[in-house]
Amino acid sequence: MNNDMLIAGTENPSEYCGGARYLKTLLESIHSISGISCSFLTVEWAVSVAAGTPFFCTECCQYRQDTSGRSCRKPMKNTGMADEPVMFRCSAGFWHVAAPVLFDGCHRATLLAGPFLSAEGDDMRGSALPQADSSVPVSDPVVDVAKGVPVLRQEVARGVLALISSSAELLSMYATSNLRRMREAEERRTTEIRLHQSENLYRTIFEHSGTAMAIVRGDGSIIWANICFSNLFMIDQDALCGVSWTIFASPEEQVRLEQILRQQEDEPTFTVQNYETTLSSVEGREIRAILNVGMIPQSDRYVISLLDVTERRHLEEVRASAFDQIERNFTQLAVLNDQIRNPLAAIVGLAGMSESEDAGDILRHAMTINAIVTHLDERWLESETVRKYLRKHHHIET
């Protein structure tokens, strides 16, 4: 069976028509009224549920029940039946009544009654549903003893057609209702599974993003905060629920943050990105953080994220302070070099005018000192080049 229209895992069409027990009761009721065997068939003409004695055309169709087990119903696949109730003759010369059972407009099963013979002979052509009259009583049929099948008058056969047709319509409505209900249930289950998967995905991202994040209401109260948020402020996650996240800011900063949030509520296109703020943990530790705020569409809630840059800012301050100290040291070194050369020049001059035996040693040591000072000057020039490089590539201001 083509199961495109059916719920996965439910291949038997009888399950959509109340189940085998319900169909058995219905078919037995039809059989008791008409005296004709009835069957509920799949679209492959396999008998799913039956009532009455199965009939095999051993002589006319030359099918043997004890060998092939095939009945005169088999050739009905080639009768060219439309998807509407019909009365037709099989290749064995017996009459049958068939009505389609539609699942949401698609032919998924067939309600079949027969075989039987016509009391008028073979003249029952055109016995389709428009000629069926449900008001014609269906009486106990006469049985052809030789062939073992009922013999019906034409008006009675049409009554059987009407009975089978109305039963098929009821089954169609019942099956369509069940199919739609099962589809809706399947769609709900699929949607719930997808929502659950999405929730788990975003919950995992939220919890393990490595950034302090929280979902807050329009008044700033926290609905849900991740573990990084609680670790940042040194407070338990459960204790954060219902608390305004701005309490971790100073009074002055609270005013600025509340103004920003009000502006975002008034202007949906307004966004808060990379706003640096200073907060405090419950233990009083100063926290410098980069704040980003995003509104959740169609709600009064928004997501805030805080990137802790306290250590980074501390390192930047230490680096700037160290570079500033180095700058001052080199400036002092340049002054010191000049301060050394001035008295050194006087010493060299005095030693040159002196006739003492130590004058030569004094001049030699003075030249050594001068060479050292000159070397320091050269290093100072190299350091100036380094400072220019740091200013350009590391944005260090002096």
Protein backbone atom coordinates (compact mmCIF):
# COMPACT_ATOMS: atom_id res chain seq x y z
CA MET A 1 0.00 0.00 0.00
CA ASN A 2 1.11 3.51 -0.73
CA ASN A 3 1.46 4.94 2.77
CA ASP A 4 2.13 8.56 1.80
CA MET A 5 -1.26 9.56 3.18
CA LEU A 6 -1.06 7.33 6.25
CA ILE A 7 0.66 7.76 9.56
CA ALA A 8 4.08 6.14 9.70
CA GLY A 9 3.95 2.75 11.40
CA THR A 10 0.19 2.27 10.71
CA GLU A 11 -0.12 0.29 7.46
CA ASN A 12 -3.45 -1.47 7.97
CA PRO A 13 -6.30 0.78 6.74
CA SER A 14 -8.76 -1.02 9.04
CA GLU A 15 -7.10 0.73 11.99
CA TYR A 16 -8.44 4.04 10.69
CA CYS A 17 -11.98 2.64 10.40
CA GLY A 18 -12.43 1.64 14.02
CA GLY A 19 -10.31 -1.50 13.95
CA ALA A 20 -10.96 -5.08 12.90
CA ARG A 21 -13.55 -5.71 15.63
CA TYR A 22 -15.70 -2.73 14.62
CA LEU A 23 -15.47 -3.65 10.93
CA LYS A 24 -16.34 -7.26 11.69
CA THR A 25 -19.49 -6.14 13.51
CA LEU A 26 -20.45 -3.82 10.64
CA LEU A 27 -19.90 -6.46 7.96
CA GLU A 28 -21.81 -9.09 9.93
CA SER A 29 -24.72 -6.65 10.21
CA ILE A 30 -24.70 -6.10 6.44
CA HIS A 31 -24.43 -9.85 5.89
CA SER A 32 -27.34 -10.57 8.23
CA ILE A 33 -29.49 -8.02 6.38
CA SER A 34 -28.57 -8.94 2.82
CA GLY A 35 -27.44 -12.54 3.14
CA ILE A 36 -24.45 -11.68 0.97
CA SER A 37 -20.82 -12.14 1.96
CA CYS A 38 -19.03 -8.86 2.68
CA SER A 39 -15.36 -7.99 2.85
CA PHE A 40 -13.17 -5.01 3.68
CA LEU A 41 -10.30 -4.99 1.18
CA THR A 42 -7.06 -3.07 0.90
CA VAL A 43 -6.21 -1.32 -2.37
CA GLU A 44 -4.26 -4.46 -3.33
CA TRP A 45 -7.55 -6.38 -2.95
CA ALA A 46 -6.27 -8.31 0.03
CA VAL A 47 -9.06 -9.28 2.41
CA SER A 48 -8.58 -7.50 5.72
CA VAL A 49 -11.93 -8.31 7.41
CA ALA A 50 -14.75 -10.51 6.07
CA ALA A 51 -18.24 -11.66 7.05
CA GLY A 52 -20.07 -14.61 5.49
CA THR A 53 -18.76 -17.70 3.75
CA PRO A 54 -15.95 -17.03 1.23
CA PHE A 55 -16.90 -18.20 -2.25
CA PHE A 56 -14.46 -19.71 -4.76
CA CYS A 57 -15.37 -20.14 -8.43
CA THR A 58 -13.80 -23.54 -8.93
CA GLU A 59 -15.66 -24.29 -12.17
CA CYS A 60 -16.10 -20.95 -13.94
CA CYS A 61 -12.75 -19.36 -13.06
CA GLN A 62 -10.92 -22.70 -12.89
CA TYR A 63 -9.23 -21.68 -9.63
CA ARG A 64 -8.87 -24.42 -7.08
CA GLN A 65 -9.18 -23.51 -3.42
CA ASP A 66 -7.01 -26.44 -2.34
CA THR A 67 -4.10 -25.43 -4.59
CA SER A 68 -3.93 -21.72 -5.29
CA GLY A 69 -6.61 -20.48 -2.91
CA ARG A 70 -7.60 -17.79 -5.40
CA SER A 71 -11.18 -16.63 -5.66
CA CYS A 72 -13.25 -14.86 -8.28
CA ARG A 73 -12.41 -11.58 -6.53
CA LYS A 74 -8.90 -11.69 -7.93
CA PRO A 75 -9.78 -10.56 -11.49
CA MET A 76 -11.65 -7.52 -10.13
CA LYS A 77 -8.39 -5.56 -10.18
CA ASN A 78 -8.80 -5.37 -13.93
CA THR A 79 -12.45 -4.28 -14.07
CA GLY A 80 -11.53 -0.60 -14.44
CA MET A 81 -13.56 0.44 -11.39
CA ALA A 82 -13.77 4.16 -10.73
CA ASP A 83 -13.53 5.62 -7.23
CA GLU A 84 -17.30 5.44 -6.77
CA PRO A 85 -19.81 2.72 -5.80
CA VAL A 86 -20.46 0.27 -8.61
CA MET A 87 -22.16 -3.06 -9.41
CA PHE A 88 -20.20 -5.27 -11.80
CA ARG A 89 -19.76 -8.81 -13.06
CA CYS A 90 -16.55 -10.74 -12.59
CA SER A 91 -15.07 -13.06 -15.19
CA ALA A 92 -16.91 -15.97 -13.59
CA GLY A 93 -20.26 -14.36 -14.39
CA PHE A 94 -21.14 -13.42 -10.81
CA TRP A 95 -22.30 -10.00 -9.68
CA HIS A 96 -20.54 -7.96 -7.00
CA VAL A 97 -21.11 -4.60 -5.32
CA ALA A 98 -18.07 -2.48 -4.47
CA ALA A 99 -17.79 0.94 -2.84
CA PRO A 100 -14.53 2.81 -2.21
CA VAL A 101 -13.50 3.88 1.28
CA LEU A 102 -11.78 7.24 0.93
CA PHE A 103 -9.16 8.49 3.35
CA ASP A 104 -9.23 12.27 3.05
CA GLY A 105 -10.27 11.97 -0.59
CA CYS A 106 -7.86 9.15 -1.50
CA HIS A 107 -8.99 5.60 -2.26
CA ARG A 108 -7.39 3.46 0.46
CA ALA A 109 -9.79 0.53 0.85
CA THR A 110 -12.88 -1.07 -0.71
CA LEU A 111 -16.09 -2.38 0.81
CA LEU A 112 -17.13 -5.42 -1.25
CA ALA A 113 -20.35 -7.47 -1.25
CA GLY A 114 -20.91 -10.61 -3.29
CA PRO A 115 -20.91 -12.75 -5.23
CA PHE A 116 -24.59 -13.14 -6.18
CA LEU A 117 -26.65 -13.94 -9.26
CA SER A 118 -29.33 -11.84 -10.91
CA ALA A 119 -32.91 -13.11 -10.95
CA GLU A 120 -33.35 -11.30 -14.27
CA GLY A 121 -30.36 -13.04 -15.82
CA ASP A 122 -27.49 -10.91 -17.05
CA ASP A 123 -29.49 -7.72 -17.57
CA MET A 124 -28.29 -5.47 -14.71
CA ARG A 125 -26.20 -3.09 -16.76
CA GLY A 126 -25.95 0.47 -15.57
CA SER A 127 -26.56 -0.43 -11.96
CA ALA A 128 -24.48 2.40 -10.57
CA LEU A 129 -25.07 4.52 -7.49
CA PRO A 130 -27.43 7.10 -9.08
CA GLN A 131 -29.92 4.27 -9.71
CA ALA A 132 -29.56 2.81 -6.23
CA ASP A 133 -32.62 3.23 -4.05
CA SER A 134 -32.02 2.85 -0.34
CA SER A 135 -35.80 2.67 0.23
CA VAL A 136 -36.01 -0.71 -1.52
CA PRO A 137 -36.15 -3.40 1.19
CA VAL A 138 -33.39 -5.98 1.22
CA SER A 139 -35.12 -9.30 1.80
CA ASP A 140 -33.72 -12.75 2.34
CA PRO A 141 -32.27 -13.81 -1.02
CA VAL A 142 -32.96 -17.01 -2.88
CA VAL A 143 -29.90 -19.26 -3.03
CA ASP A 144 -28.82 -20.97 -6.23
CA VAL A 145 -28.33 -24.50 -4.96
CA ALA A 146 -26.12 -25.54 -7.86
CA LYS A 147 -23.69 -22.68 -7.48
CA GLY A 148 -24.23 -21.93 -3.80
CA VAL A 149 -24.70 -18.16 -4.19
CA PRO A 150 -27.68 -15.86 -3.51
CA VAL A 151 -30.00 -14.89 -6.37
CA LEU A 152 -31.26 -11.30 -6.13
CA ARG A 153 -33.87 -9.33 -8.00
CA GLN A 154 -32.60 -6.18 -9.62
CA GLU A 155 -34.30 -3.82 -7.14
CA VAL A 156 -32.93 -5.82 -4.22
CA ALA A 157 -29.43 -5.72 -5.73
CA ARG A 158 -29.74 -1.96 -5.97
CA GLY A 159 -30.76 -1.88 -2.32
CA VAL A 160 -27.58 -3.80 -1.50
CA LEU A 161 -25.65 -1.26 -3.56
CA ALA A 162 -27.19 1.59 -1.55
CA LEU A 163 -26.47 -0.20 1.73
CA ILE A 164 -22.83 -0.83 0.80
CA SER A 165 -22.47 2.72 -0.53
CA SER A 166 -23.82 4.36 2.64
CA SER A 167 -21.65 2.09 4.81
CA ALA A 168 -18.58 3.02 2.75
CA GLU A 169 -19.42 6.72 3.12
CA LEU A 170 -19.66 6.35 6.89
CA LEU A 171 -16.35 4.50 6.98
CA SER A 172 -14.80 7.19 4.77
CA MET A 173 -15.91 9.95 7.12
CA TYR A 174 -14.76 7.98 10.14
CA ALA A 175 -11.39 7.14 8.55
CA THR A 176 -10.84 10.71 7.34
CA SER A 177 -11.58 12.07 10.80
CA ASN A 178 -9.23 9.57 12.42
CA LEU A 179 -6.53 10.17 9.82
CA ARG A 180 -6.64 13.93 10.31
CA ARG A 181 -6.67 13.53 14.07
CA MET A 182 -3.69 11.18 13.93
CA ARG A 183 -1.88 13.52 11.56
CA GLU A 184 -2.45 16.43 13.92
CA ALA A 185 -1.21 14.34 16.82
CA GLU A 186 1.84 13.30 14.80
CA GLU A 187 2.51 16.92 13.83
CA ARG A 188 2.19 17.97 17.47
CA ARG A 189 4.63 15.26 18.52
CA THR A 190 7.05 16.29 15.77
CA THR A 191 6.74 19.95 16.75
CA GLU A 192 7.25 19.13 20.42
CA ILE A 193 10.34 17.07 19.59
CA ARG A 194 11.77 19.88 17.46
CA LEU A 195 11.00 22.46 20.14
CA HIS A 196 12.62 20.24 22.75
CA GLN A 197 15.68 19.78 20.56
CA SER A 198 15.88 23.53 19.88
CA GLU A 199 15.46 24.28 23.57
CA ASN A 200 18.26 21.88 24.46
CA LEU A 201 20.48 23.37 21.76
CA TYR A 202 19.98 26.97 22.85
CA ARG A 203 20.14 26.03 26.52
CA THR A 204 23.51 24.38 25.90
CA ILE A 205 24.76 27.42 23.98
CA PHE A 206 23.42 29.71 26.69
CA GLU A 207 25.02 27.76 29.52
CA HIS A 208 28.38 27.09 27.87
CA SER A 209 29.00 30.24 25.85
CA GLY A 210 31.78 31.31 28.23
CA THR A 211 30.08 34.71 28.62
CA ALA A 212 27.91 35.89 31.50
CA MET A 213 24.38 35.93 30.07
CA ALA A 214 20.92 36.47 31.51
CA ILE A 215 17.34 36.80 30.29
CA VAL A 216 15.60 39.70 32.01
CA ARG A 217 12.18 41.32 31.99
CA GLY A 218 11.44 44.86 30.96
CA ASP A 219 11.82 46.01 34.57
CA GLY A 220 15.32 44.51 34.74
CA SER A 221 14.45 41.52 36.93
CA ILE A 222 16.33 38.35 36.04
CA ILE A 223 14.34 35.38 34.72
CA TRP A 224 17.23 33.07 33.98
CA ALA A 225 21.00 33.46 34.29
CA ASN A 226 23.74 31.08 33.27
CA ILE A 227 26.53 29.78 35.48
CA CYS A 228 29.04 32.34 34.14
CA PHE A 229 26.73 35.15 35.27
CA SER A 230 26.46 33.74 38.78
CA ASN A 231 30.22 33.14 38.95
CA LEU A 232 30.92 36.70 37.81
CA PHE A 233 28.97 38.20 40.71
CA MET A 234 29.76 35.38 43.17
CA ILE A 235 26.11 34.53 43.81
CA ASP A 236 24.05 31.35 43.46
CA GLN A 237 22.04 30.95 40.24
CA ASP A 238 18.74 30.38 42.04
CA ALA A 239 19.24 33.52 44.13
CA LEU A 240 19.45 35.63 40.96
CA CYS A 241 15.88 34.92 39.83
CA GLY A 242 13.67 37.96 40.35
CA VAL A 243 16.62 40.22 41.23
CA SER A 244 17.27 43.33 39.13
CA TRP A 245 20.62 42.94 37.44
CA THR A 246 21.36 46.68 37.80
CA ILE A 247 21.83 46.30 41.58
CA PHE A 248 25.39 45.25 40.83
CA ALA A 249 26.13 48.75 39.49
CA SER A 250 26.85 51.90 41.45
CA PRO A 251 23.93 54.33 41.95
CA GLU A 252 25.28 56.63 39.24
CA GLU A 253 25.80 53.75 36.83
CA GLN A 254 22.33 52.38 37.63
CA VAL A 255 20.80 55.63 36.41
CA ARG A 256 22.74 55.45 33.14
CA LEU A 257 21.87 51.78 32.57
CA GLU A 258 18.17 52.36 33.24
CA GLN A 259 18.18 55.26 30.78
CA ILE A 260 19.75 53.02 28.14
CA LEU A 261 17.17 50.26 28.72
CA ARG A 262 14.25 52.71 28.57
CA GLN A 263 15.58 54.07 25.30
CA GLN A 264 15.76 50.55 23.91
CA GLU A 265 12.15 49.88 24.90
CA ASP A 266 11.00 53.13 23.25
CA GLU A 267 13.10 52.59 20.13
CA PRO A 268 13.05 48.93 18.98
CA THR A 269 15.86 49.60 16.51
CA PHE A 270 18.11 50.98 19.24
CA THR A 271 20.79 48.52 20.32
CA VAL A 272 23.34 48.46 23.11
CA GLN A 273 26.64 47.11 21.89
CA ASN A 274 30.06 47.10 23.52
CA TYR A 275 29.10 49.50 26.29
CA GLU A 276 31.77 49.38 28.98
CA THR A 277 30.45 49.59 32.50
CA THR A 278 31.74 49.09 36.02
CA LEU A 279 29.91 46.71 38.36
CA SER A 280 30.56 45.06 41.71
CA SER A 281 30.22 41.48 42.92
CA VAL A 282 28.43 40.65 46.16
CA GLU A 283 31.87 40.49 47.79
CA GLY A 284 32.69 44.02 46.65
CA ARG A 285 35.12 43.10 43.87
CA GLU A 286 35.14 45.68 41.10
CA ILE A 287 34.12 44.27 37.73
CA ARG A 288 34.73 46.04 34.47
CA ALA A 289 32.58 44.50 31.75
CA ILE A 290 31.49 45.01 28.15
CA LEU A 291 27.68 45.11 28.02
CA ASN A 292 25.54 43.99 25.05
CA VAL A 293 21.74 44.00 25.14
CA GLY A 294 19.33 42.42 22.64
CA MET A 295 15.53 42.50 22.71
CA ILE A 296 13.66 39.21 22.30
CA PRO A 297 11.15 39.74 19.46
CA GLN A 298 7.46 40.03 20.36
CA SER A 299 8.10 40.16 24.10
CA ASP A 300 9.11 42.55 26.87
CA ARG A 301 12.20 40.50 27.60
CA TYR A 302 15.75 40.91 26.47
CA VAL A 303 19.09 39.15 26.69
CA ILE A 304 22.08 40.80 28.31
CA SER A 305 25.64 39.59 28.03
CA LEU A 306 28.58 40.79 30.10
CA LEU A 307 32.14 40.15 28.99
CA ASP A 308 34.48 40.46 31.96
CA VAL A 309 37.44 42.63 30.94
CA THR A 310 38.64 43.42 34.45
CA GLU A 311 41.90 41.50 34.08
CA ARG A 312 42.46 42.85 30.59
CA ARG A 313 42.00 46.44 31.71
CA HIS A 314 44.29 45.82 34.69
CA LEU A 315 47.01 44.46 32.40
CA GLU A 316 46.56 47.42 30.06
CA GLU A 317 46.97 49.81 32.97
CA VAL A 318 50.04 47.94 34.23
CA ARG A 319 51.56 47.98 30.76
CA ALA A 320 50.86 51.68 30.30
CA SER A 321 52.29 52.43 33.74
CA ALA A 322 55.41 50.37 33.05
CA PHE A 323 55.97 52.05 29.71
CA ASP A 324 55.50 55.45 31.31
CA GLN A 325 58.08 54.55 33.93
CA ILE A 326 60.50 53.41 31.25
CA GLU A 327 59.94 56.69 29.42
CA ARG A 328 60.74 58.65 32.55
CA ASN A 329 63.83 56.54 33.18
CA PHE A 330 65.19 57.19 29.70
CA THR A 331 64.51 60.90 30.04
CA GLN A 332 66.37 60.93 33.32
CA LEU A 333 69.18 58.94 31.69
CA ALA A 334 69.58 61.57 28.98
CA VAL A 335 69.82 64.26 31.64
CA LEU A 336 72.22 62.12 33.64
CA ASN A 337 74.51 61.70 30.64
CA ASP A 338 74.78 65.45 30.29
CA GLN A 339 75.36 65.80 34.02
CA ILE A 340 78.22 63.27 33.81
CA ARG A 341 79.87 64.84 30.76
CA ASN A 342 80.04 68.33 32.25
CA PRO A 343 82.27 67.46 35.26
CA LEU A 344 84.10 64.89 33.12
CA ALA A 345 85.13 67.62 30.70
CA ALA A 346 86.48 69.65 33.63
CA ILE A 347 88.45 66.66 34.90
CA VAL A 348 89.99 66.09 31.46
CA GLY A 349 90.92 69.76 31.22
CA LEU A 350 92.56 69.83 34.62
CA ALA A 351 94.41 66.59 33.95
CA GLY A 352 95.75 67.99 30.68
CA MET A 353 97.18 71.03 32.43
CA SER A 354 98.63 69.02 35.26
CA GLU A 355 102.27 67.91 35.19
CA SER A 356 101.55 65.15 37.69
CA GLU A 357 102.64 61.60 36.99
CA ASP A 358 99.00 60.49 37.46
CA ALA A 359 97.66 62.81 34.76
CA GLY A 360 97.93 60.11 32.10
CA ASP A 361 95.97 57.59 34.16
CA ILE A 362 93.33 60.20 34.89
CA LEU A 363 92.91 60.99 31.19
CA ARG A 364 92.74 57.29 30.28
CA HIS A 365 89.99 56.61 32.85
CA ALA A 366 88.15 59.75 31.77
CA MET A 367 88.09 58.50 28.18
CA THR A 368 86.69 55.16 29.40
CA ILE A 369 83.90 56.97 31.24
CA ASN A 370 83.18 59.07 28.15
CA ALA A 371 82.94 55.93 25.99
CA ILE A 372 80.44 54.43 28.43
CA VAL A 373 78.31 57.58 28.38
CA THR A 374 78.46 57.65 24.57
CA HIS A 375 77.29 54.03 24.48
CA LEU A 376 74.37 54.96 26.75
CA ASP A 377 73.45 57.77 24.35
CA GLU A 378 73.39 55.31 21.45
CA ARG A 379 71.17 52.94 23.42
CA TRP A 380 68.88 55.82 24.25
CA LEU A 381 68.45 56.54 20.52
CA GLU A 382 67.66 52.87 19.90
CA SER A 383 65.10 52.97 22.73
CA GLU A 384 63.44 55.97 21.11
CA THR A 385 62.95 53.87 17.97
CA VAL A 386 61.42 51.10 20.09
CA ARG A 387 59.06 53.56 21.74
CA LYS A 388 57.89 54.83 18.37
CA TYR A 389 57.20 51.24 17.31
CA LEU A 390 55.19 50.56 20.46
CA ARG A 391 53.18 53.73 19.99
CA LYS A 392 52.35 52.78 16.42
CA HIS A 393 51.61 49.07 16.74
CA HIS A 394 50.51 48.64 20.35
CA HIS A 395 48.68 51.94 20.82
CA ILE A 396 50.74 52.86 23.87
CA GLU A 397 50.55 56.55 24.63
CA THR A 398 53.29 58.28 26.55
